[in-house]
Amino acid sequence: MTAPLLQVKAVETYYGNIRALSGVDVEVHRGEIVCLIGANGAGKSTLMMTICGSPQARTGSVFFEGQDITRMPTHEIARLRIAQSPEGRRIFPRMTVFENLQMGASLDNLKHFDQDVEKVFALFPRLKERQAQRGGTLSGGEQQMLSIGRALMARPKLLLLDEPSLGLAPLIVKGIFEAIKKLNKEEGLTVFLVEQNAFGALKLSDRGYVMVNGRVTMSGSGKDLLANPEVRAAYLEGGRH
C-alpha cells in the first residue's frame, strides 16, 4: 500500500501541564474521506489544531506526504496545501462573501482565482447569490458553506473539516455532507473530518476513528463502525440508526 498522505504517529499534545492527546495514531490516504468521532471534549479539535501546528505536539510526529511537519509553523503547513475549515467557522464577519473567498486564495494560485471562485459558487449556489453580502449577516449554514469555500480556494491536497454540522438544521447538514462527498468523488479531494454527528460522518466516510479522552479507542471502515454495538450505544442511540 502507498504511504499515507497524512500520518499522525504516537502524538501527545498538552495545554500547559494538561495532556489533551495521549499517543494518538491516525492515517489518511490520498482520495479518502476519514472521520474522527467522539464526545465533546474528547480531543478531536485538538488533534486538528496539532496537525496544523498550533499547538505543536510535545511528543510523536505528524507527517504529510512523507515530510515531517511536526515542528513547522502553521503558515508553512498551509503552504503545503493543507486547508482547514475550523470549528466555529471563523469567517471574517465584516468582509463580504467574495472578500472572504479572496482571503482563502493562496498567493501561488491567483492565476486560477476566477476559476476557483466559480467552482465554489457551483458547489454552493447560495454563496453566489450572497457574494456582495457581509459574512456576519449570513445564516449559520451559509457561514459554514463560506468557511468550506474559503478553505477550497487554497486548492488543498488535504481538507480538514472541524465540526461542519455543528448547530445546523438537518437539511443544511445534508447539503453540506453531499457537497463534501461530491468534492471527494469528482475532484478526488482527500478529507479528514471531525464530527460529533457520528451517524452522518460514518455514513459519509471510507474509514473512521473513535476518540475518548484524548485516545483513539477504535478504528475501522465507516460501515463497520456504524454497525459496531459499542459505537451504536455510545454515539448513535437516541439518534438516527
Protein backbone atom coordinates (compact mmCIF):
# COMPACT_ATOMS: atom_id res chain seq x y z
CA MET A 1 0.00 0.00 0.00
CA THR A 2 1.25 3.50 -0.76
CA ALA A 3 2.38 5.72 2.12
CA PRO A 4 -0.41 7.74 3.76
CA LEU A 5 -0.96 11.35 2.69
CA LEU A 6 -1.27 12.24 6.40
CA GLN A 7 0.23 10.19 9.20
CA VAL A 8 -0.06 11.02 12.89
CA LYS A 9 2.26 8.82 14.99
CA ALA A 10 2.15 8.49 18.80
CA VAL A 11 1.22 12.17 19.20
CA GLU A 12 0.86 13.70 22.64
CA THR A 13 -0.33 17.30 22.92
CA TYR A 14 -0.51 19.36 26.10
CA TYR A 15 -2.13 22.59 27.22
CA GLY A 16 0.31 23.63 29.95
CA ASN A 17 0.52 20.56 32.19
CA ILE A 18 -2.76 19.08 30.98
CA ARG A 19 -2.39 16.27 28.47
CA ALA A 20 -5.05 16.61 25.76
CA LEU A 21 -3.87 13.85 23.38
CA SER A 22 -2.31 10.55 24.51
CA GLY A 23 -0.34 8.56 21.95
CA VAL A 24 -2.66 9.22 19.00
CA ASP A 25 -2.13 7.27 15.75
CA VAL A 26 -4.17 8.26 12.67
CA GLU A 27 -3.65 7.75 8.93
CA VAL A 28 -5.41 9.34 5.97
CA HIS A 29 -4.66 8.01 2.49
CA ARG A 30 -4.97 10.01 -0.71
CA GLY A 31 -8.55 10.13 -2.04
CA GLU A 32 -10.18 9.02 1.22
CA ILE A 33 -12.77 10.62 3.46
CA VAL A 34 -11.78 9.74 7.04
CA CYS A 35 -13.72 10.85 10.09
CA LEU A 36 -12.87 11.21 13.76
CA ILE A 37 -15.87 10.92 16.07
CA GLY A 38 -16.18 11.31 19.82
CA ALA A 39 -17.97 13.21 22.54
CA ASN A 40 -17.49 16.92 23.13
CA GLY A 41 -14.12 17.45 24.85
CA ALA A 42 -12.63 14.14 23.63
CA GLY A 43 -9.70 15.93 21.96
CA LYS A 44 -10.90 15.89 18.34
CA SER A 45 -10.35 19.61 17.67
CA THR A 46 -7.01 19.48 19.49
CA LEU A 47 -5.85 16.84 17.00
CA MET A 48 -6.95 19.05 14.09
CA MET A 49 -5.05 22.02 15.53
CA THR A 50 -1.97 19.86 16.25
CA ILE A 51 -1.89 18.77 12.58
CA CYS A 52 -1.86 22.49 11.69
CA GLY A 53 0.95 23.18 14.17
CA SER A 54 -0.88 25.18 16.82
CA PRO A 55 -0.37 23.76 19.42
CA GLN A 56 2.58 21.61 18.35
CA ALA A 57 2.80 18.00 19.51
CA ARG A 58 5.05 17.65 22.56
CA THR A 59 5.99 14.10 21.56
CA GLY A 60 5.29 11.96 18.50
CA SER A 61 5.26 13.05 14.85
CA VAL A 62 2.97 14.36 12.11
CA PHE A 63 3.91 13.53 8.50
CA PHE A 64 2.37 14.95 5.33
CA GLU A 65 3.37 13.41 2.01
CA GLY A 66 6.22 11.71 3.89
CA GLN A 67 7.59 15.03 5.22
CA ASP A 68 7.83 15.60 8.98
CA ILE A 69 5.75 18.73 9.68
CA THR A 70 5.59 18.34 13.49
CA ARG A 71 7.70 21.43 14.24
CA MET A 72 6.69 23.54 11.25
CA PRO A 73 4.94 26.88 11.85
CA THR A 74 1.28 26.97 10.82
CA HIS A 75 1.76 29.27 7.79
CA GLU A 76 4.34 26.86 6.32
CA ILE A 77 2.00 23.91 6.86
CA ALA A 78 -0.72 25.84 5.00
CA ARG A 79 1.71 26.34 2.07
CA LEU A 80 1.90 22.55 1.71
CA ARG A 81 -1.80 22.83 0.72
CA ILE A 82 -3.40 21.63 3.92
CA ALA A 83 -6.51 23.78 4.37
CA GLN A 84 -8.79 23.88 7.38
CA SER A 85 -12.40 24.88 7.90
CA PRO A 86 -12.18 25.39 11.68
CA GLU A 87 -14.72 24.73 14.41
CA GLY A 88 -16.98 27.76 14.82
CA ARG A 89 -16.41 28.72 11.14
CA ARG A 90 -14.29 31.81 11.92
CA ILE A 91 -15.10 33.70 8.76
CA PHE A 92 -14.32 37.43 8.52
CA PRO A 93 -17.70 38.92 9.55
CA ARG A 94 -17.11 42.46 8.23
CA MET A 95 -15.88 41.27 4.84
CA THR A 96 -18.18 40.29 2.01
CA VAL A 97 -18.55 36.69 0.88
CA PHE A 98 -16.36 37.47 -2.14
CA GLU A 99 -13.66 39.10 0.03
CA ASN A 100 -13.66 36.09 2.37
CA LEU A 101 -13.02 33.85 -0.63
CA GLN A 102 -10.20 36.16 -1.73
CA MET A 103 -8.62 35.73 1.72
CA GLY A 104 -8.65 31.97 1.24
CA ALA A 105 -6.83 32.01 -2.09
CA SER A 106 -3.12 31.35 -1.78
CA LEU A 107 -0.80 33.82 -3.46
CA ASP A 108 0.59 31.00 -5.62
CA ASN A 109 -2.83 30.26 -7.10
CA LEU A 110 -4.08 33.71 -8.10
CA LYS A 111 -3.93 32.81 -11.79
CA HIS A 112 -6.67 30.25 -11.06
CA PHE A 113 -8.69 32.65 -8.90
CA ASP A 114 -11.69 33.20 -11.21
CA GLN A 115 -11.95 29.50 -12.00
CA ASP A 116 -11.72 28.58 -8.29
CA VAL A 117 -14.41 31.10 -7.29
CA GLU A 118 -16.73 29.68 -9.95
CA LYS A 119 -16.13 26.16 -8.58
CA VAL A 120 -17.08 27.30 -5.08
CA PHE A 121 -20.19 29.05 -6.43
CA ALA A 122 -21.16 25.91 -8.40
CA LEU A 123 -20.81 23.85 -5.21
CA PHE A 124 -22.67 26.37 -3.03
CA PRO A 125 -25.00 28.45 -5.28
CA ARG A 126 -26.25 30.32 -2.19
CA LEU A 127 -22.81 31.95 -1.86
CA LYS A 128 -23.04 33.25 -5.43
CA GLU A 129 -26.36 34.94 -4.58
CA ARG A 130 -24.82 36.43 -1.41
CA GLN A 131 -21.35 37.33 -2.77
CA ALA A 132 -21.69 41.06 -2.01
CA GLN A 133 -23.15 40.45 1.47
CA ARG A 134 -21.08 40.73 4.65
CA GLY A 135 -20.13 37.37 6.15
CA GLY A 136 -21.50 38.29 9.57
CA THR A 137 -25.03 38.74 8.17
CA LEU A 138 -25.23 35.21 6.69
CA SER A 139 -27.15 32.38 8.32
CA GLY A 140 -25.20 29.68 10.18
CA GLY A 141 -25.47 27.30 7.25
CA GLU A 142 -24.30 29.93 4.77
CA GLN A 143 -21.35 30.80 7.04
CA GLN A 144 -20.38 27.12 7.11
CA MET A 145 -20.54 26.98 3.29
CA LEU A 146 -18.34 30.09 3.20
CA SER A 147 -15.84 28.57 5.63
CA ILE A 148 -15.53 25.45 3.45
CA GLY A 149 -15.44 27.56 0.27
CA ARG A 150 -12.67 29.74 1.69
CA ALA A 151 -10.62 26.61 2.51
CA LEU A 152 -11.18 25.27 -1.03
CA MET A 153 -9.75 28.47 -2.53
CA ALA A 154 -6.30 27.30 -1.36
CA ARG A 155 -6.60 24.30 -3.74
CA PRO A 156 -5.91 21.88 -0.87
CA LYS A 157 -4.43 18.41 -1.19
CA LEU A 158 -5.96 17.74 2.24
CA LEU A 159 -9.11 19.42 3.56
CA LEU A 160 -9.55 19.42 7.34
CA LEU A 161 -13.15 19.97 8.44
CA ASP A 162 -13.82 20.58 12.12
CA GLU A 163 -17.48 20.07 13.14
CA PRO A 164 -19.06 21.27 9.86
CA SER A 165 -22.56 20.23 11.01
CA LEU A 166 -22.44 21.91 14.45
CA GLY A 167 -25.61 23.85 15.26
CA LEU A 168 -27.11 23.50 11.78
CA ALA A 169 -30.56 22.28 10.72
CA PRO A 170 -30.65 18.68 9.38
CA LEU A 171 -31.47 19.78 5.82
CA ILE A 172 -28.46 22.15 5.73
CA VAL A 173 -26.23 19.41 7.18
CA LYS A 174 -27.40 17.02 4.45
CA GLY A 175 -26.47 19.59 1.77
CA ILE A 176 -23.01 20.19 3.27
CA PHE A 177 -22.28 16.45 3.57
CA GLU A 178 -23.41 15.99 -0.06
CA ALA A 179 -21.03 18.77 -1.14
CA ILE A 180 -18.13 17.04 0.70
CA LYS A 181 -18.98 13.73 -0.99
CA LYS A 182 -19.12 15.46 -4.38
CA LEU A 183 -15.69 17.08 -3.89
CA ASN A 184 -14.24 13.72 -2.95
CA LYS A 185 -15.85 11.80 -5.83
CA GLU A 186 -15.40 14.35 -8.63
CA GLU A 187 -12.18 16.13 -7.61
CA GLY A 188 -10.54 13.26 -5.70
CA LEU A 189 -10.16 15.60 -2.71
CA THR A 190 -8.85 13.96 0.47
CA VAL A 191 -10.91 14.92 3.52
CA PHE A 192 -10.28 14.49 7.25
CA LEU A 193 -13.46 15.27 9.14
CA VAL A 194 -14.03 15.79 12.87
CA GLU A 195 -17.67 15.37 13.87
CA GLN A 196 -20.00 14.91 16.83
CA ASN A 197 -22.67 13.85 14.32
CA ALA A 198 -21.44 10.24 14.30
CA PHE A 199 -24.20 8.87 12.07
CA GLY A 200 -23.68 11.41 9.28
CA ALA A 201 -19.89 11.29 9.49
CA LEU A 202 -19.59 7.48 9.43
CA LYS A 203 -22.11 7.21 6.60
CA LEU A 204 -20.07 9.69 4.56
CA SER A 205 -16.60 8.27 5.35
CA ASP A 206 -14.49 5.45 3.96
CA ARG A 207 -12.92 4.93 7.38
CA GLY A 208 -13.33 6.28 10.88
CA TYR A 209 -11.64 6.62 14.24
CA VAL A 210 -13.28 6.90 17.66
CA MET A 211 -11.65 9.17 20.25
CA VAL A 212 -12.28 9.00 24.00
CA ASN A 213 -10.43 11.23 26.48
CA GLY A 214 -7.60 12.05 24.09
CA ARG A 215 -7.03 8.47 22.94
CA VAL A 216 -8.08 6.64 19.78
CA THR A 217 -10.01 3.66 21.12
CA MET A 218 -11.34 2.14 17.90
CA SER A 219 -10.95 2.34 14.13
CA GLY A 220 -12.44 0.66 11.08
CA SER A 221 -14.46 1.24 7.93
CA GLY A 222 -17.35 3.67 8.22
CA LYS A 223 -19.75 0.79 7.61
CA ASP A 224 -18.20 -1.43 10.31
CA LEU A 225 -18.19 1.33 12.91
CA LEU A 226 -21.83 2.16 12.14
CA ALA A 227 -22.69 -1.47 12.85
CA ASN A 228 -20.47 -1.75 15.95
CA PRO A 229 -22.61 -2.25 19.11
CA GLU A 230 -20.28 -0.14 21.29
CA VAL A 231 -20.30 2.75 18.81
CA ARG A 232 -24.07 2.48 18.46
CA ALA A 233 -24.59 2.54 22.22
CA ALA A 234 -22.22 5.46 22.82
CA TYR A 235 -22.91 7.69 19.81
CA LEU A 236 -25.97 6.55 17.88
CA GLU A 237 -28.63 5.53 20.39
CA GLY A 238 -31.41 8.05 20.52
CA GLY A 239 -30.28 9.39 17.15
CA ARG A 240 -30.75 8.01 13.67
CA HIS A 241 -29.96 4.33 13.01
